[in-house]
Amino acid sequence: MKTIAVLELQKKIKETVDEAQKDRVVITRQGKPAAVMVGVEGQDWESVVLETDPGFWRLISKRRKEPTISFRELRSRINGKI
C-alpha cells in the first residue's frame, strides 16, 4: 500500500489515481493518515455507491443479526405455497 502526503498528492494527482487502481493509497496530512484513495475504474457505479454507503452497511449488519432458516426449510415453505 502506497502512502502520499497531501502536498505531494497535489503535484502527482494523475499518477496517484493510476496507482489507486492497483492498490489503495493512504493520503497523509502532517504525517498522519487523513484519507484513503481507492480506485474504482471499470466498476459498476451502483456497486461503488452501495459499497461506500454507511446506511447500506448498517442495514447489512442488522440483517446478519436476524435469525435465518435452512435451504431445506425454505424449499419446504415454497413447496407448501405452490
Protein backbone atom coordinates (compact mmCIF):
# COMPACT_ATOMS: atom_id res chain seq x y z
CA MET A 1 0.00 0.00 0.00
CA LYS A 2 1.40 3.36 -1.04
CA THR A 3 1.40 6.45 1.15
CA ILE A 4 1.49 10.02 -0.11
CA ALA A 5 1.37 13.40 1.62
CA VAL A 6 -1.37 15.87 0.69
CA LEU A 7 1.15 18.37 -0.66
CA GLU A 8 2.78 15.71 -2.84
CA LEU A 9 -0.64 14.50 -3.99
CA GLN A 10 -1.39 17.95 -5.38
CA LYS A 11 1.66 17.61 -7.62
CA LYS A 12 1.10 13.96 -8.60
CA ILE A 13 -2.66 13.51 -8.73
CA LYS A 14 -2.75 11.65 -12.07
CA GLU A 15 -0.03 9.20 -11.04
CA THR A 16 -1.69 8.64 -7.67
CA VAL A 17 -5.10 7.97 -9.25
CA ASP A 18 -3.42 5.46 -11.57
CA GLU A 19 -1.72 3.83 -8.59
CA ALA A 20 -5.04 3.66 -6.71
CA GLN A 21 -6.42 1.42 -9.48
CA LYS A 22 -3.90 -1.24 -8.39
CA ASP A 23 -3.89 -0.76 -4.61
CA ARG A 24 -5.23 1.63 -2.01
CA VAL A 25 -3.27 4.82 -1.43
CA VAL A 26 -3.15 6.34 2.05
CA ILE A 27 -3.09 10.14 1.99
CA THR A 28 -1.38 11.75 4.95
CA ARG A 29 -1.59 15.20 6.43
CA GLN A 30 1.24 16.26 8.73
CA GLY A 31 2.47 12.66 8.73
CA LYS A 32 -0.85 11.17 9.91
CA PRO A 33 -3.36 9.22 7.79
CA ALA A 34 -6.16 11.52 6.61
CA ALA A 35 -7.85 9.60 3.79
CA VAL A 36 -7.63 6.53 1.60
CA MET A 37 -7.88 6.67 -2.18
CA VAL A 38 -9.48 3.60 -3.74
CA GLY A 39 -9.56 3.07 -7.49
CA VAL A 40 -12.98 2.28 -8.95
CA GLU A 41 -12.18 2.38 -12.65
CA GLY A 42 -14.15 -0.26 -14.55
CA GLN A 43 -16.54 -0.96 -11.68
CA ASP A 44 -20.30 -0.58 -11.80
CA TRP A 45 -21.28 2.84 -10.40
CA GLU A 46 -24.21 1.45 -8.36
CA SER A 47 -21.92 -1.08 -6.69
CA VAL A 48 -19.39 1.63 -5.82
CA VAL A 49 -22.12 3.77 -4.26
CA LEU A 50 -23.51 0.87 -2.20
CA GLU A 51 -20.07 -0.32 -1.09
CA THR A 52 -19.30 3.11 0.34
CA ASP A 53 -22.72 3.88 1.86
CA PRO A 54 -22.71 3.62 5.69
CA GLY A 55 -26.51 3.20 5.69
CA PHE A 56 -26.24 0.17 3.44
CA TRP A 57 -23.68 -1.44 5.77
CA ARG A 58 -25.86 -0.71 8.82
CA LEU A 59 -28.71 -2.50 7.03
CA ILE A 60 -26.46 -5.47 6.20
CA SER A 61 -25.20 -5.64 9.79
CA LYS A 62 -28.75 -5.56 11.15
CA ARG A 63 -29.86 -8.28 8.74
CA ARG A 64 -26.94 -10.53 9.66
CA LYS A 65 -28.12 -10.49 13.29
CA GLU A 66 -31.61 -11.71 12.35
CA PRO A 67 -32.46 -15.40 12.52
CA THR A 68 -32.01 -17.48 9.39
CA ILE A 69 -33.57 -20.66 8.01
CA SER A 70 -32.01 -23.59 6.22
CA PHE A 71 -32.34 -24.12 2.49
CA ARG A 72 -34.38 -27.26 3.20
CA GLU A 73 -36.86 -25.27 5.31
CA LEU A 74 -37.06 -22.56 2.64
CA ARG A 75 -37.80 -25.15 -0.04
CA SER A 76 -40.43 -26.72 2.20
CA ARG A 77 -42.14 -23.35 2.71
CA ILE A 78 -42.09 -22.62 -1.02
CA ASN A 79 -43.42 -26.04 -1.97
CA GLY A 80 -46.22 -25.65 0.57
CA LYS A 81 -47.39 -22.45 -1.17
CA ILE A 82 -47.26 -23.74 -4.75
